[in-house]
């Protein structure tokens, strides 16, 4: 059984690097990874906020938000 991991980002250089360094390296046998570009999918910002995301890039894994670095606050994406 795999866990779901959602990687939220905004397309900035920090986010793109985090996607390469983390999201693409998660073991697909353990994690079903969904990548969400909030700059292109603004309708999902409220979903990210509800999951505890304050800034991107960030993962939500099994209902817990993990912030990797500060690229952009969610408020800046609205």
N, C-alpha and C. Protein backbone atom coordinates (compact mmCIF):
# COMPACT_ATOMS: atom_id res chain seq x y z
N UNK A 1 0.85 -1.18 0.00
CA UNK A 1 0.00 0.00 0.00
C UNK A 1 0.89 1.24 0.00
N UNK A 2 0.54 2.23 -0.81
CA UNK A 2 1.33 3.45 -0.90
C UNK A 2 0.64 4.59 -0.16
N UNK A 3 1.47 5.51 0.34
CA UNK A 3 0.96 6.72 0.96
C UNK A 3 0.89 7.80 -0.11
N UNK A 4 0.01 8.76 0.10
CA UNK A 4 -0.10 9.86 -0.85
C UNK A 4 0.80 11.00 -0.38
N UNK A 5 1.54 11.55 -1.33
CA UNK A 5 2.39 12.72 -1.08
C UNK A 5 2.02 13.76 -2.12
N UNK A 6 1.61 14.94 -1.66
CA UNK A 6 1.29 16.03 -2.58
C UNK A 6 2.38 17.08 -2.42
N UNK A 7 3.02 17.41 -3.54
CA UNK A 7 4.06 18.43 -3.55
C UNK A 7 3.48 19.69 -4.15
N UNK A 8 3.36 20.74 -3.33
CA UNK A 8 2.82 22.02 -3.78
C UNK A 8 3.99 22.94 -4.08
N UNK A 9 3.91 23.63 -5.21
CA UNK A 9 4.96 24.58 -5.56
C UNK A 9 4.39 25.68 -6.43
N UNK A 10 5.25 26.69 -6.72
CA UNK A 10 4.80 27.83 -7.51
C UNK A 10 5.64 28.04 -8.76
N UNK A 11 6.54 27.13 -9.05
CA UNK A 11 7.34 27.24 -10.26
C UNK A 11 8.60 28.07 -10.12
N UNK A 12 8.86 28.60 -8.92
CA UNK A 12 10.06 29.41 -8.71
C UNK A 12 11.29 28.51 -8.71
N UNK A 13 12.49 29.07 -8.84
CA UNK A 13 13.70 28.24 -8.86
C UNK A 13 13.86 27.34 -7.63
N UNK A 14 13.50 27.85 -6.46
CA UNK A 14 13.59 27.03 -5.24
C UNK A 14 12.65 25.84 -5.36
N UNK A 15 11.45 26.08 -5.87
CA UNK A 15 10.45 25.02 -6.01
C UNK A 15 10.88 23.97 -7.03
N UNK A 16 11.41 24.42 -8.14
CA UNK A 16 11.84 23.50 -9.19
C UNK A 16 12.99 22.63 -8.67
N UNK A 17 13.91 23.24 -7.94
CA UNK A 17 15.02 22.47 -7.36
C UNK A 17 14.49 21.46 -6.34
N UNK A 18 13.56 21.87 -5.50
CA UNK A 18 12.99 20.96 -4.51
C UNK A 18 12.26 19.80 -5.19
N UNK A 19 11.59 20.08 -6.29
CA UNK A 19 10.92 19.01 -7.02
C UNK A 19 11.93 17.98 -7.50
N UNK A 20 13.04 18.45 -8.06
CA UNK A 20 14.09 17.52 -8.53
C UNK A 20 14.74 16.77 -7.38
N UNK A 21 15.01 17.48 -6.29
CA UNK A 21 15.75 16.89 -5.18
C UNK A 21 14.90 15.97 -4.30
N UNK A 22 13.61 16.24 -4.22
CA UNK A 22 12.77 15.48 -3.29
C UNK A 22 11.62 14.73 -3.97
N UNK A 23 10.76 15.45 -4.65
CA UNK A 23 9.54 14.84 -5.19
C UNK A 23 9.85 13.73 -6.18
N UNK A 24 10.84 13.94 -7.02
CA UNK A 24 11.16 12.93 -8.03
C UNK A 24 11.92 11.74 -7.47
N UNK A 25 12.39 11.86 -6.23
CA UNK A 25 13.21 10.80 -5.65
C UNK A 25 12.45 9.91 -4.65
N UNK A 26 11.20 10.25 -4.38
CA UNK A 26 10.43 9.39 -3.48
C UNK A 26 10.16 8.05 -4.15
N UNK A 27 10.29 7.01 -3.40
CA UNK A 27 10.10 5.66 -3.92
C UNK A 27 8.64 5.46 -4.32
N UNK A 28 8.38 5.23 -5.61
CA UNK A 28 6.99 5.07 -6.07
C UNK A 28 6.30 3.84 -5.49
N UNK A 29 7.05 2.92 -4.94
CA UNK A 29 6.43 1.77 -4.27
C UNK A 29 5.89 2.16 -2.90
N UNK A 30 6.36 3.28 -2.37
CA UNK A 30 5.93 3.74 -1.05
C UNK A 30 5.03 4.96 -1.10
N UNK A 31 5.21 5.81 -2.15
CA UNK A 31 4.47 7.06 -2.23
C UNK A 31 3.88 7.28 -3.61
N UNK A 32 2.63 7.63 -3.62
CA UNK A 32 1.96 8.10 -4.83
C UNK A 32 2.10 9.62 -4.79
N UNK A 33 2.95 10.18 -5.66
CA UNK A 33 3.26 11.61 -5.62
C UNK A 33 2.40 12.37 -6.63
N UNK A 34 1.78 13.41 -6.14
CA UNK A 34 1.05 14.34 -7.01
C UNK A 34 1.76 15.68 -6.92
N UNK A 35 2.06 16.27 -8.04
CA UNK A 35 2.72 17.57 -8.07
C UNK A 35 1.70 18.61 -8.49
N UNK A 36 1.56 19.65 -7.65
CA UNK A 36 0.56 20.69 -7.89
C UNK A 36 1.26 22.03 -8.00
N UNK A 37 1.20 22.64 -9.17
CA UNK A 37 1.76 23.96 -9.42
C UNK A 37 0.67 24.97 -9.09
N UNK A 38 0.79 25.60 -7.93
CA UNK A 38 -0.28 26.50 -7.47
C UNK A 38 -0.37 27.78 -8.29
N UNK A 39 0.67 28.12 -9.02
CA UNK A 39 0.59 29.27 -9.92
C UNK A 39 -0.34 28.99 -11.09
N UNK A 40 -0.45 27.72 -11.45
CA UNK A 40 -1.32 27.32 -12.57
C UNK A 40 -2.65 26.75 -12.09
N UNK A 41 -2.68 26.27 -10.86
CA UNK A 41 -3.91 25.67 -10.31
C UNK A 41 -4.33 26.44 -9.05
N UNK A 42 -4.64 27.72 -9.25
CA UNK A 42 -5.01 28.59 -8.12
C UNK A 42 -6.22 28.07 -7.36
N UNK A 43 -7.05 27.30 -8.03
CA UNK A 43 -8.23 26.73 -7.37
C UNK A 43 -7.86 25.73 -6.29
N UNK A 44 -6.59 25.34 -6.21
CA UNK A 44 -6.17 24.37 -5.19
C UNK A 44 -5.43 25.02 -4.01
N UNK A 45 -5.33 26.35 -4.02
CA UNK A 45 -4.67 27.05 -2.91
C UNK A 45 -5.40 26.81 -1.60
N UNK A 46 -6.72 26.86 -1.61
CA UNK A 46 -7.48 26.63 -0.37
C UNK A 46 -7.27 25.21 0.15
N UNK A 47 -7.12 24.26 -0.75
CA UNK A 47 -6.82 22.86 -0.37
C UNK A 47 -5.47 22.80 0.35
N UNK A 48 -4.47 23.48 -0.21
CA UNK A 48 -3.14 23.50 0.41
C UNK A 48 -3.21 24.16 1.78
N UNK A 49 -3.92 25.27 1.88
CA UNK A 49 -4.07 25.96 3.17
C UNK A 49 -4.73 25.05 4.20
N UNK A 50 -5.78 24.36 3.79
CA UNK A 50 -6.49 23.47 4.70
C UNK A 50 -5.61 22.32 5.19
N UNK A 51 -4.62 21.96 4.38
CA UNK A 51 -3.69 20.89 4.75
C UNK A 51 -2.54 21.40 5.62
N UNK A 52 -2.49 22.71 5.86
CA UNK A 52 -1.47 23.27 6.73
C UNK A 52 -0.29 23.91 6.02
N UNK A 53 -0.37 24.01 4.70
CA UNK A 53 0.72 24.62 3.94
C UNK A 53 0.65 26.14 4.12
N UNK A 54 1.79 26.73 4.48
CA UNK A 54 1.89 28.18 4.68
C UNK A 54 2.70 28.83 3.55
N UNK A 55 3.64 28.06 3.00
CA UNK A 55 4.49 28.57 1.92
C UNK A 55 4.90 27.38 1.05
N UNK A 56 5.38 27.70 -0.13
CA UNK A 56 5.85 26.65 -1.04
C UNK A 56 7.33 26.85 -1.29
N UNK A 57 8.04 25.79 -1.55
CA UNK A 57 7.60 24.42 -1.77
C UNK A 57 7.29 23.70 -0.46
N UNK A 58 6.33 22.81 -0.54
CA UNK A 58 5.93 22.03 0.62
C UNK A 58 5.31 20.71 0.18
N UNK A 59 5.49 19.72 1.01
CA UNK A 59 4.84 18.43 0.83
C UNK A 59 3.72 18.31 1.84
N UNK A 60 2.68 17.59 1.48
CA UNK A 60 1.70 17.10 2.45
C UNK A 60 1.73 15.59 2.28
N UNK A 61 2.16 14.93 3.35
CA UNK A 61 2.28 13.47 3.34
C UNK A 61 1.46 12.93 4.50
N UNK A 62 0.53 12.06 4.18
CA UNK A 62 -0.34 11.47 5.19
C UNK A 62 -0.97 12.52 6.10
N UNK A 63 -1.38 13.64 5.50
CA UNK A 63 -2.08 14.67 6.26
C UNK A 63 -1.20 15.63 7.02
N UNK A 64 0.11 15.54 6.89
CA UNK A 64 1.04 16.43 7.60
C UNK A 64 1.80 17.29 6.59
N UNK A 65 1.86 18.59 6.86
CA UNK A 65 2.57 19.51 5.97
C UNK A 65 4.03 19.59 6.37
N UNK A 66 4.90 19.54 5.38
CA UNK A 66 6.34 19.65 5.57
C UNK A 66 6.86 20.74 4.63
N UNK A 67 7.37 21.81 5.20
CA UNK A 67 7.89 22.93 4.41
C UNK A 67 9.37 22.70 4.17
N UNK A 68 9.77 22.79 2.91
CA UNK A 68 11.15 22.49 2.53
C UNK A 68 12.03 23.74 2.65
N UNK A 69 11.58 24.83 2.13
CA UNK A 69 12.31 26.08 2.09
C UNK A 69 11.28 27.16 1.85
N UNK A 70 11.65 28.40 1.99
CA UNK A 70 10.67 29.45 1.75
C UNK A 70 10.87 30.02 0.36
N UNK A 71 9.97 29.67 -0.55
CA UNK A 71 10.00 30.19 -1.90
C UNK A 71 8.98 31.28 -2.08
N UNK A 72 7.75 31.04 -1.62
CA UNK A 72 6.67 32.02 -1.73
C UNK A 72 5.58 31.69 -0.71
N UNK A 73 5.05 32.72 -0.08
CA UNK A 73 3.91 32.54 0.81
C UNK A 73 2.67 32.27 -0.02
N UNK A 74 1.74 31.50 0.52
CA UNK A 74 0.51 31.22 -0.22
C UNK A 74 -0.26 32.49 -0.53
N UNK A 75 -0.22 33.46 0.39
CA UNK A 75 -0.92 34.72 0.15
C UNK A 75 -0.43 35.42 -1.12
N UNK A 76 0.84 35.25 -1.45
CA UNK A 76 1.40 35.88 -2.65
C UNK A 76 0.88 35.22 -3.93
N UNK A 77 0.36 34.00 -3.82
CA UNK A 77 -0.13 33.27 -4.98
C UNK A 77 -1.59 33.53 -5.30
N UNK A 78 -2.29 34.14 -4.36
CA UNK A 78 -3.73 34.37 -4.54
C UNK A 78 -4.00 35.47 -5.55
